[in-house]
Structures are given as C-alpha cells and as structure tokens.
C-alpha cells in the first residue's frame, strides 16, 4: 500500500521523496495501530479535551487524515487528467 501511495503522491507533493516516505510510514503505522486495536480512542469530553495527550492525539489524527485526503485528491486528479474511468497497479520484476 505504501508503494502505491508513493506513486500517487510523487507527482503532487513538493517535498523530496524521503519526506513523502516518512509521512507514509507514519500514516501506515497509525493505520496499523488503529486496525489492530493498539491505538487508544479518545471520546471528547471536557476532562480529556484540556489534556496534553488529547492534543497530541488530535494532531496525529489530523495529520493522518490530511495525508489520506491528499492521496484521494491526487488519485482523482490523475484519473481526470488522463481520462481514466478506473485504474490498477502492477508490480514488475525485470532482469537482463
């Protein structure tokens, strides 16, 4: 999944590839923690909203959502610009 997201973002992000890879690794780790139940889920309440750990949690959540949104928008832009109705990824292994 990370490799596919990198392909989509590499044309749209102004950052170098190492920065994109770091963001994708962070995104993937967050996703993995969520899916496998290793991420605490905070329910907003006055007691929690004022705590520093909630601020850190909310910041990470927003960064993750922002990256997912960028991937979605970049994918849609590519599809529109190329006139595609669908797409797929292929993995190749070449030798000489």
PDB file of N, CA and C in Angstrom:
ATOM      1  N   UNK A   1       0.816  -1.183   0.000  1.00  0.00           N
ATOM      2  CA  UNK A   1       0.000   0.000   0.000  1.00  0.00           C
ATOM      3  C   UNK A   1       0.870   1.259   0.000  1.00  0.00           C
ATOM      4  N   UNK A   2       1.938   1.258   0.787  1.00  0.00           N
ATOM      5  CA  UNK A   2       2.806   2.437   0.854  1.00  0.00           C
ATOM      6  C   UNK A   2       3.419   2.760  -0.498  1.00  0.00           C
ATOM      7  N   UNK A   3       3.836   1.733  -1.214  1.00  0.00           N
ATOM      8  CA  UNK A   3       4.459   1.947  -2.518  1.00  0.00           C
ATOM      9  C   UNK A   3       3.465   2.563  -3.502  1.00  0.00           C
ATOM     10  N   UNK A   4       2.227   2.121  -3.430  1.00  0.00           N
ATOM     11  CA  UNK A   4       1.199   2.656  -4.320  1.00  0.00           C
ATOM     12  C   UNK A   4       0.887   4.109  -3.975  1.00  0.00           C
ATOM     13  N   UNK A   5       0.815   4.403  -2.692  1.00  0.00           N
ATOM     14  CA  UNK A   5       0.560   5.782  -2.273  1.00  0.00           C
ATOM     15  C   UNK A   5       1.720   6.687  -2.686  1.00  0.00           C
ATOM     16  N   UNK A   6       2.938   6.176  -2.613  1.00  0.00           N
ATOM     17  CA  UNK A   6       4.107   6.956  -3.031  1.00  0.00           C
ATOM     18  C   UNK A   6       4.025   7.281  -4.521  1.00  0.00           C
ATOM     19  N   UNK A   7       3.610   6.319  -5.327  1.00  0.00           N
ATOM     20  CA  UNK A   7       3.446   6.568  -6.763  1.00  0.00           C
ATOM     21  C   UNK A   7       2.441   7.682  -7.023  1.00  0.00           C
ATOM     22  N   UNK A   8       1.344   7.662  -6.296  1.00  0.00           N
ATOM     23  CA  UNK A   8       0.304   8.672  -6.479  1.00  0.00           C
ATOM     24  C   UNK A   8       0.794  10.043  -6.038  1.00  0.00           C
ATOM     25  N   UNK A   9       1.469  10.110  -4.894  1.00  0.00           N
ATOM     26  CA  UNK A   9       1.879  11.400  -4.339  1.00  0.00           C
ATOM     27  C   UNK A   9       3.124  11.986  -4.984  1.00  0.00           C
ATOM     28  N   UNK A  10       3.949  11.176  -5.583  1.00  0.00           N
ATOM     29  CA  UNK A  10       5.236  11.668  -6.082  1.00  0.00           C
ATOM     30  C   UNK A  10       5.080  12.769  -7.129  1.00  0.00           C
ATOM     31  N   UNK A  11       3.990  12.786  -7.856  1.00  0.00           N
ATOM     32  CA  UNK A  11       3.749  13.832  -8.854  1.00  0.00           C
ATOM     33  C   UNK A  11       3.149  15.098  -8.255  1.00  0.00           C
ATOM     34  N   UNK A  12       2.600  15.007  -7.048  1.00  0.00           N
ATOM     35  CA  UNK A  12       1.836  16.124  -6.498  1.00  0.00           C
ATOM     36  C   UNK A  12       2.485  16.811  -5.305  1.00  0.00           C
ATOM     37  N   UNK A  13       3.353  16.149  -4.616  1.00  0.00           N
ATOM     38  CA  UNK A  13       3.974  16.737  -3.430  1.00  0.00           C
ATOM     39  C   UNK A  13       5.229  17.495  -3.822  1.00  0.00           C
ATOM     40  N   UNK A  14       5.453  18.633  -3.200  1.00  0.00           N
ATOM     41  CA  UNK A  14       6.642  19.435  -3.469  1.00  0.00           C
ATOM     42  C   UNK A  14       7.828  18.999  -2.614  1.00  0.00           C
ATOM     43  N   UNK A  15       7.618  18.063  -1.733  1.00  0.00           N
ATOM     44  CA  UNK A  15       8.672  17.586  -0.851  1.00  0.00           C
ATOM     45  C   UNK A  15       9.519  16.545  -1.568  1.00  0.00           C
ATOM     46  N   UNK A  16      10.696  16.289  -1.005  1.00  0.00           N
ATOM     47  CA  UNK A  16      11.511  15.243  -1.613  1.00  0.00           C
ATOM     48  C   UNK A  16      10.945  13.876  -1.241  1.00  0.00           C
ATOM     49  N   UNK A  17      11.421  12.874  -1.920  1.00  0.00           N
ATOM     50  CA  UNK A  17      10.867  11.529  -1.759  1.00  0.00           C
ATOM     51  C   UNK A  17      11.055  10.995  -0.338  1.00  0.00           C
ATOM     52  N   UNK A  18      12.159  11.350   0.319  1.00  0.00           N
ATOM     53  CA  UNK A  18      12.388  10.878   1.689  1.00  0.00           C
ATOM     54  C   UNK A  18      11.328  11.417   2.643  1.00  0.00           C
ATOM     55  N   UNK A  19      10.927  12.674   2.456  1.00  0.00           N
ATOM     56  CA  UNK A  19       9.880  13.257   3.296  1.00  0.00           C
ATOM     57  C   UNK A  19       8.545  12.559   3.065  1.00  0.00           C
ATOM     58  N   UNK A  20       8.248  12.275   1.810  1.00  0.00           N
ATOM     59  CA  UNK A  20       6.997  11.586   1.493  1.00  0.00           C
ATOM     60  C   UNK A  20       7.004  10.191   2.107  1.00  0.00           C
ATOM     61  N   UNK A  21       8.123   9.488   1.995  1.00  0.00           N
ATOM     62  CA  UNK A  21       8.229   8.139   2.563  1.00  0.00           C
ATOM     63  C   UNK A  21       8.045   8.178   4.071  1.00  0.00           C
ATOM     64  N   UNK A  22       8.632   9.162   4.748  1.00  0.00           N
ATOM     65  CA  UNK A  22       8.465   9.286   6.200  1.00  0.00           C
ATOM     66  C   UNK A  22       6.997   9.508   6.553  1.00  0.00           C
ATOM     67  N   UNK A  23       6.326  10.399   5.819  1.00  0.00           N
ATOM     68  CA  UNK A  23       4.907  10.645   6.065  1.00  0.00           C
ATOM     69  C   UNK A  23       4.084   9.380   5.838  1.00  0.00           C
ATOM     70  N   UNK A  24       4.410   8.645   4.787  1.00  0.00           N
ATOM     71  CA  UNK A  24       3.680   7.411   4.501  1.00  0.00           C
ATOM     72  C   UNK A  24       3.930   6.356   5.569  1.00  0.00           C
ATOM     73  N   UNK A  25       5.162   6.250   6.049  1.00  0.00           N
ATOM     74  CA  UNK A  25       5.458   5.303   7.127  1.00  0.00           C
ATOM     75  C   UNK A  25       4.684   5.658   8.391  1.00  0.00           C
ATOM     76  N   UNK A  26       4.642   6.952   8.729  1.00  0.00           N
ATOM     77  CA  UNK A  26       3.874   7.396   9.895  1.00  0.00           C
ATOM     78  C   UNK A  26       2.393   7.087   9.710  1.00  0.00           C
ATOM     79  N   UNK A  27       1.889   7.379   8.507  1.00  0.00           N
ATOM     80  CA  UNK A  27       0.488   7.104   8.194  1.00  0.00           C
ATOM     81  C   UNK A  27       0.189   5.613   8.333  1.00  0.00           C
ATOM     82  N   UNK A  28       1.039   4.789   7.758  1.00  0.00           N
ATOM     83  CA  UNK A  28       0.816   3.350   7.773  1.00  0.00           C
ATOM     84  C   UNK A  28       0.879   2.794   9.194  1.00  0.00           C
ATOM     85  N   UNK A  29       1.797   3.319  10.016  1.00  0.00           N
ATOM     86  CA  UNK A  29       1.895   2.878  11.408  1.00  0.00           C
ATOM     87  C   UNK A  29       0.630   3.251  12.175  1.00  0.00           C
ATOM     88  N   UNK A  30       0.136   4.459  11.959  1.00  0.00           N
ATOM     89  CA  UNK A  30      -1.097   4.902  12.613  1.00  0.00           C
ATOM     90  C   UNK A  30      -2.261   4.005  12.206  1.00  0.00           C
ATOM     91  N   UNK A  31      -2.365   3.739  10.904  1.00  0.00           N
ATOM     92  CA  UNK A  31      -3.413   2.872  10.386  1.00  0.00           C
ATOM     93  C   UNK A  31      -3.329   1.470  10.983  1.00  0.00           C
ATOM     94  N   UNK A  32      -2.115   0.952  11.028  1.00  0.00           N
ATOM     95  CA  UNK A  32      -1.898  -0.384  11.576  1.00  0.00           C
ATOM     96  C   UNK A  32      -2.297  -0.442  13.052  1.00  0.00           C
ATOM     97  N   UNK A  33      -1.896   0.556  13.816  1.00  0.00           N
ATOM     98  CA  UNK A  33      -2.261   0.602  15.234  1.00  0.00           C
ATOM     99  C   UNK A  33      -3.773   0.667  15.411  1.00  0.00           C
ATOM    100  N   UNK A  34      -4.439   1.431  14.577  1.00  0.00           N
ATOM    101  CA  UNK A  34      -5.894   1.541  14.654  1.00  0.00           C
ATOM    102  C   UNK A  34      -6.558   0.209  14.320  1.00  0.00           C
ATOM    103  N   UNK A  35      -6.166  -0.378  13.194  1.00  0.00           N
ATOM    104  CA  UNK A  35      -6.787  -1.615  12.720  1.00  0.00           C
ATOM    105  C   UNK A  35      -6.574  -2.771  13.695  1.00  0.00           C
ATOM    106  N   UNK A  36      -5.402  -2.840  14.298  1.00  0.00           N
ATOM    107  CA  UNK A  36      -5.075  -3.962  15.173  1.00  0.00           C
ATOM    108  C   UNK A  36      -5.380  -3.692  16.644  1.00  0.00           C
ATOM    109  N   UNK A  37      -6.066  -2.583  16.925  1.00  0.00           N
ATOM    110  CA  UNK A  37      -6.510  -2.309  18.287  1.00  0.00           C
ATOM    111  C   UNK A  37      -5.437  -1.794  19.222  1.00  0.00           C
ATOM    112  N   UNK A  38      -4.342  -1.281  18.697  1.00  0.00           N
ATOM    113  CA  UNK A  38      -3.257  -0.779  19.536  1.00  0.00           C
ATOM    114  C   UNK A  38      -3.290   0.734  19.705  1.00  0.00           C
ATOM    115  N   UNK A  39      -4.381   1.357  19.304  1.00  0.00           N
ATOM    116  CA  UNK A  39      -4.491   2.810  19.378  1.00  0.00           C
ATOM    117  C   UNK A  39      -5.625   3.167  20.326  1.00  0.00           C
ATOM    118  N   UNK A  40      -5.307   3.982  21.319  1.00  0.00           N
ATOM    119  CA  UNK A  40      -6.353   4.451  22.220  1.00  0.00           C
ATOM    120  C   UNK A  40      -7.280   5.385  21.456  1.00  0.00           C
ATOM    121  N   UNK A  41      -8.561   5.223  21.659  1.00  0.00           N
ATOM    122  CA  UNK A  41      -9.557   6.082  21.032  1.00  0.00           C
ATOM    123  C   UNK A  41     -10.137   6.967  22.130  1.00  0.00           C
ATOM    124  N   UNK A  42      -9.993   8.267  21.950  1.00  0.00           N
ATOM    125  CA  UNK A  42     -10.487   9.205  22.949  1.00  0.00           C
ATOM    126  C   UNK A  42     -11.867   9.705  22.559  1.00  0.00           C
ATOM    127  N   UNK A  43     -12.764   9.671  23.512  1.00  0.00           N
ATOM    128  CA  UNK A  43     -14.093  10.221  23.323  1.00  0.00           C
ATOM    129  C   UNK A  43     -14.063  11.634  23.883  1.00  0.00           C
ATOM    130  N   UNK A  44     -14.378  12.621  23.067  1.00  0.00           N
ATOM    131  CA  UNK A  44     -14.283  14.001  23.546  1.00  0.00           C
ATOM    132  C   UNK A  44     -15.137  14.260  24.784  1.00  0.00           C
ATOM    133  N   UNK A  45     -14.535  14.846  25.747  1.00  0.00           N
ATOM    134  CA  UNK A  45     -15.225  15.319  26.944  1.00  0.00           C
ATOM    135  C   UNK A  45     -14.406  16.472  27.493  1.00  0.00           C
ATOM    136  N   UNK A  46     -14.997  17.276  28.350  1.00  0.00           N
ATOM    137  CA  UNK A  46     -14.278  18.422  28.893  1.00  0.00           C
ATOM    138  C   UNK A  46     -13.029  17.992  29.646  1.00  0.00           C
ATOM    139  N   UNK A  47     -13.078  16.860  30.309  1.00  0.00           N
ATOM    140  CA  UNK A  47     -11.931  16.394  31.087  1.00  0.00           C
ATOM    141  C   UNK A  47     -10.761  16.008  30.192  1.00  0.00           C
ATOM    142  N   UNK A  48     -11.050  15.435  29.051  1.00  0.00           N
ATOM    143  CA  UNK A  48      -9.994  14.957  28.159  1.00  0.00           C
ATOM    144  C   UNK A  48      -9.506  16.057  27.215  1.00  0.00           C
ATOM    145  N   UNK A  49     -10.405  16.906  26.747  1.00  0.00           N
ATOM    146  CA  UNK A  49     -10.044  17.908  25.751  1.00  0.00           C
ATOM    147  C   UNK A  49      -8.948  18.858  26.211  1.00  0.00           C
ATOM    148  N   UNK A  50      -8.835  19.083  27.487  1.00  0.00           N
ATOM    149  CA  UNK A  50      -7.837  20.016  28.004  1.00  0.00           C
ATOM    150  C   UNK A  50      -6.497  19.349  28.291  1.00  0.00           C
ATOM    151  N   UNK A  51      -6.400  18.061  28.159  1.00  0.00           N
ATOM    152  CA  UNK A  51      -5.158  17.356  28.478  1.00  0.00           C
ATOM    153  C   UNK A  51      -4.216  17.342  27.285  1.00  0.00           C
ATOM    154  N   UNK A  52      -2.927  17.357  27.589  1.00  0.00           N
ATOM    155  CA  UNK A  52      -1.901  17.388  26.547  1.00  0.00           C
ATOM    156  C   UNK A  52      -1.948  16.142  25.664  1.00  0.00           C
ATOM    157  N   UNK A  53      -2.251  14.998  26.246  1.00  0.00           N
ATOM    158  CA  UNK A  53      -2.277  13.769  25.446  1.00  0.00           C
ATOM    159  C   UNK A  53      -3.384  13.817  24.393  1.00  0.00           C
ATOM    160  N   UNK A  54      -4.488  14.492  24.689  1.00  0.00           N
ATOM    161  CA  UNK A  54      -5.545  14.638  23.685  1.00  0.00           C
ATOM    162  C   UNK A  54      -5.080  15.545  22.555  1.00  0.00           C
ATOM    163  N   UNK A  55      -4.350  16.596  22.894  1.00  0.00           N
ATOM    164  CA  UNK A  55      -3.835  17.500  21.868  1.00  0.00           C
ATOM    165  C   UNK A  55      -2.902  16.754  20.920  1.00  0.00           C
ATOM    166  N   UNK A  56      -2.033  15.919  21.477  1.00  0.00           N
ATOM    167  CA  UNK A  56      -1.116  15.118  20.665  1.00  0.00           C
ATOM    168  C   UNK A  56      -1.897  14.127  19.797  1.00  0.00           C
ATOM    169  N   UNK A  57      -2.896  13.494  20.385  1.00  0.00           N
ATOM    170  CA  UNK A  57      -3.747  12.543  19.670  1.00  0.00           C
ATOM    171  C   UNK A  57      -4.470  13.230  18.511  1.00  0.00           C
ATOM    172  N   UNK A  58      -5.059  14.390  18.791  1.00  0.00           N
ATOM    173  CA  UNK A  58      -5.810  15.118  17.766  1.00  0.00           C
ATOM    174  C   UNK A  58      -4.891  15.581  16.639  1.00  0.00           C
ATOM    175  N   UNK A  59      -3.690  16.019  16.990  1.00  0.00           N
ATOM    176  CA  UNK A  59      -2.733  16.470  15.974  1.00  0.00           C
ATOM    177  C   UNK A  59      -2.358  15.320  15.043  1.00  0.00           C
ATOM    178  N   UNK A  60      -2.059  14.155  15.621  1.00  0.00           N
ATOM    179  CA  UNK A  60      -1.680  12.991  14.820  1.00  0.00           C
ATOM    180  C   UNK A  60      -2.847  12.535  13.937  1.00  0.00           C
ATOM    181  N   UNK A  61      -4.044  12.568  14.494  1.00  0.00           N
ATOM    182  CA  UNK A  61      -5.228  12.193  13.725  1.00  0.00           C
ATOM    183  C   UNK A  61      -5.421  13.132  12.533  1.00  0.00           C
ATOM    184  N   UNK A  62      -5.253  14.427  12.747  1.00  0.00           N
ATOM    185  CA  UNK A  62      -5.407  15.403  11.663  1.00  0.00           C
ATOM    186  C   UNK A  62      -4.338  15.212  10.586  1.00  0.00           C
ATOM    187  N   UNK A  63      -3.105  14.934  10.989  1.00  0.00           N
ATOM    188  CA  UNK A  63      -2.036  14.697  10.016  1.00  0.00           C
ATOM    189  C   UNK A  63      -2.340  13.462   9.173  1.00  0.00           C
ATOM    190  N   UNK A  64      -2.853  12.438   9.820  1.00  0.00           N
ATOM    191  CA  UNK A  64      -3.189  11.200   9.127  1.00  0.00           C
ATOM    192  C   UNK A  64      -4.331  11.430   8.142  1.00  0.00           C
ATOM    193  N   UNK A  65      -5.356  12.140   8.589  1.00  0.00           N
ATOM    194  CA  UNK A  65      -6.480  12.442   7.708  1.00  0.00           C
ATOM    195  C   UNK A  65      -6.047  13.314   6.532  1.00  0.00           C
ATOM    196  N   UNK A  66      -5.155  14.265   6.778  1.00  0.00           N
ATOM    197  CA  UNK A  66      -4.673  15.149   5.719  1.00  0.00           C
ATOM    198  C   UNK A  66      -3.942  14.358   4.634  1.00  0.00           C
ATOM    199  N   UNK A  67      -3.098  13.415   5.043  1.00  0.00           N
ATOM    200  CA  UNK A  67      -2.374  12.614   4.060  1.00  0.00           C
ATOM    201  C   UNK A  67      -3.333  11.734   3.260  1.00  0.00           C
ATOM    202  N   UNK A  68      -4.298  11.124   3.931  1.00  0.00           N
ATOM    203  CA  UNK A  68      -5.279  10.296   3.226  1.00  0.00           C
ATOM    204  C   UNK A  68      -6.059  11.137   2.215  1.00  0.00           C
ATOM    205  N   UNK A  69      -6.410  12.359   2.600  1.00  0.00           N
ATOM    206  CA  UNK A  69      -7.132  13.256   1.697  1.00  0.00           C
ATOM    207  C   UNK A  69      -6.262  13.629   0.499  1.00  0.00           C
ATOM    208  N   UNK A  70      -4.965  13.875   0.728  1.00  0.00           N
ATOM    209  CA  UNK A  70      -4.052  14.198  -0.376  1.00  0.00           C
ATOM    210  C   UNK A  70      -3.960  13.049  -1.371  1.00  0.00           C
ATOM    211  N   UNK A  71      -3.898  11.830  -0.861  1.00  0.00           N
ATOM    212  CA  UNK A  71      -3.831  10.663  -1.748  1.00  0.00           C
ATOM    213  C   UNK A  71      -5.113  10.558  -2.571  1.00  0.00           C
ATOM    214  N   UNK A  72      -6.250  10.754  -1.926  1.00  0.00           N
ATOM    215  CA  UNK A  72      -7.529  10.695  -2.632  1.00  0.00           C
ATOM    216  C   UNK A  72      -7.606  11.760  -3.722  1.00  0.00           C
ATOM    217  N   UNK A  73      -7.272  13.001  -3.384  1.00  0.00           N
ATOM    218  CA  UNK A  73      -7.341  14.095  -4.357  1.00  0.00           C
ATOM    219  C   UNK A  73      -6.352  13.867  -5.503  1.00  0.00           C
ATOM    220  N   UNK A  74      -5.127  13.454  -5.181  1.00  0.00           N
ATOM    221  CA  UNK A  74      -4.124  13.205  -6.224  1.00  0.00           C
ATOM    222  C   UNK A  74      -4.584  12.095  -7.163  1.00  0.00           C
ATOM    223  N   UNK A  75      -5.218  11.072  -6.610  1.00  0.00           N
ATOM    224  CA  UNK A  75      -5.731   9.975  -7.433  1.00  0.00           C
ATOM    225  C   UNK A  75      -6.833  10.468  -8.369  1.00  0.00           C
ATOM    226  N   UNK A  76      -7.768  11.226  -7.817  1.00  0.00           N
ATOM    227  CA  UNK A  76      -8.860  11.751  -8.644  1.00  0.00           C
ATOM    228  C   UNK A  76      -8.347  12.701  -9.720  1.00  0.00           C
ATOM    229  N   UNK A  77      -7.390  13.557  -9.378  1.00  0.00           N
ATOM    230  CA  UNK A  77      -6.818  14.469 -10.370  1.00  0.00           C
ATOM    231  C   UNK A  77      -6.155  13.702 -11.508  1.00  0.00           C
ATOM    232  N   UNK A  78      -5.385  12.681 -11.161  1.00  0.00           N
ATOM    233  CA  UNK A  78      -4.714  11.869 -12.184  1.00  0.00           C
ATOM    234  C   UNK A  78      -5.741  11.203 -13.095  1.00  0.00           C
ATOM    235  N   UNK A  79      -6.790  10.653 -12.500  1.00  0.00           N
ATOM    236  CA  UNK A  79      -7.820   9.983 -13.288  1.00  0.00           C
ATOM    237  C   UNK A  79      -8.517  10.961 -14.233  1.00  0.00           C
ATOM    238  N   UNK A  80      -8.818  12.156 -13.745  1.00  0.00           N
ATOM    239  CA  UNK A  80      -9.483  13.161 -14.583  1.00  0.00           C
ATOM    240  C   UNK A  80      -8.553  13.623 -15.700  1.00  0.00           C
ATOM    241  N   UNK A  81      -7.318  13.949 -15.347  1.00  0.00           N
ATOM    242  CA  UNK A  81      -6.357  14.437 -16.347  1.00  0.00           C
ATOM    243  C   UNK A  81      -6.066  13.411 -17.435  1.00  0.00           C
ATOM    244  N   UNK A  82      -6.064  12.144 -17.072  1.00  0.00           N
ATOM    245  CA  UNK A  82      -5.764  11.080 -18.035  1.00  0.00           C
ATOM    246  C   UNK A  82      -7.018  10.526 -18.716  1.00  0.00           C
ATOM    247  N   UNK A  83      -8.199  10.941 -18.272  1.00  0.00           N
ATOM    248  CA  UNK A  83      -9.442  10.425 -18.841  1.00  0.00           C
ATOM    249  C   UNK A  83      -9.733   8.992 -18.433  1.00  0.00           C
ATOM    250  N   UNK A  84      -9.224   8.583 -17.286  1.00  0.00           N
ATOM    251  CA  UNK A  84      -9.419   7.208 -16.816  1.00  0.00           C
ATOM    252  C   UNK A  84     -10.780   7.060 -16.135  1.00  0.00           C
ATOM    253  N   UNK A  85     -11.350   5.867 -16.252  1.00  0.00           N
ATOM    254  CA  UNK A  85     -12.568   5.518 -15.528  1.00  0.00           C
ATOM    255  C   UNK A  85     -12.252   4.574 -14.375  1.00  0.00           C
ATOM    256  N   UNK A  86     -11.103   3.949 -14.440  1.00  0.00           N
ATOM    257  CA  UNK A  86     -10.624   3.067 -13.373  1.00  0.00           C
ATOM    258  C   UNK A  86      -9.105   2.985 -13.505  1.00  0.00           C
ATOM    259  N   UNK A  87      -8.474   2.339 -12.555  1.00  0.00           N
ATOM    260  CA  UNK A  87      -7.021   2.174 -12.612  1.00  0.00           C
ATOM    261  C   UNK A  87      -6.632   0.924 -11.841  1.00  0.00           C
ATOM    262  N   UNK A  88      -5.424   0.475 -12.082  1.00  0.00           N
ATOM    263  CA  UNK A  88      -4.855  -0.603 -11.278  1.00  0.00           C
ATOM    264  C   UNK A  88      -3.349  -0.413 -11.217  1.00  0.00           C
ATOM    265  N   UNK A  89      -2.734  -1.065 -10.267  1.00  0.00           N
ATOM    266  CA  UNK A  89      -1.291  -1.023 -10.100  1.00  0.00           C
ATOM    267  C   UNK A  89      -0.722  -2.369 -10.513  1.00  0.00           C
ATOM    268  N   UNK A  90       0.451  -2.336 -11.102  1.00  0.00           N
ATOM    269  CA  UNK A  90       1.136  -3.583 -11.414  1.00  0.00           C
ATOM    270  C   UNK A  90       2.521  -3.546 -10.797  1.00  0.00           C
ATOM    271  N   UNK A  91       2.981  -4.692 -10.389  1.00  0.00           N
ATOM    272  CA  UNK A  91       4.329  -4.832  -9.859  1.00  0.00           C
ATOM    273  C   UNK A  91       5.126  -5.644 -10.861  1.00  0.00           C
ATOM    274  N   UNK A  92       6.295  -5.142 -11.221  1.00  0.00           N
ATOM    275  CA  UNK A  92       7.107  -5.863 -12.195  1.00  0.00           C
ATOM    276  C   UNK A  92       8.471  -6.176 -11.609  1.00  0.00           C
ATOM    277  N   UNK A  93       9.053  -7.223 -12.116  1.00  0.00           N
ATOM    278  CA  UNK A  93      10.377  -7.669 -11.715  1.00  0.00           C
ATOM    279  C   UNK A  93      11.123  -7.952 -13.007  1.00  0.00           C
ATOM    280  N   UNK A  94      12.161  -7.175 -13.289  1.00  0.00           N
ATOM    281  CA  UNK A  94      12.863  -7.291 -14.571  1.00  0.00           C
ATOM    282  C   UNK A  94      14.304  -7.737 -14.355  1.00  0.00           C
ATOM    283  N   UNK A  95      14.833  -8.393 -15.318  1.00  0.00           N
ATOM    284  CA  UNK A  95      16.238  -8.782 -15.302  1.00  0.00           C
ATOM    285  C   UNK A  95      16.840  -8.632 -16.687  1.00  0.00           C
ATOM    286  N   UNK A  96      18.147  -8.693 -16.753  1.00  0.00           N
ATOM    287  CA  UNK A  96      18.834  -8.581 -18.046  1.00  0.00           C
ATOM    288  C   UNK A  96      19.753  -9.759 -18.228  1.00  0.00           C
TER     289      UNK A  96
END
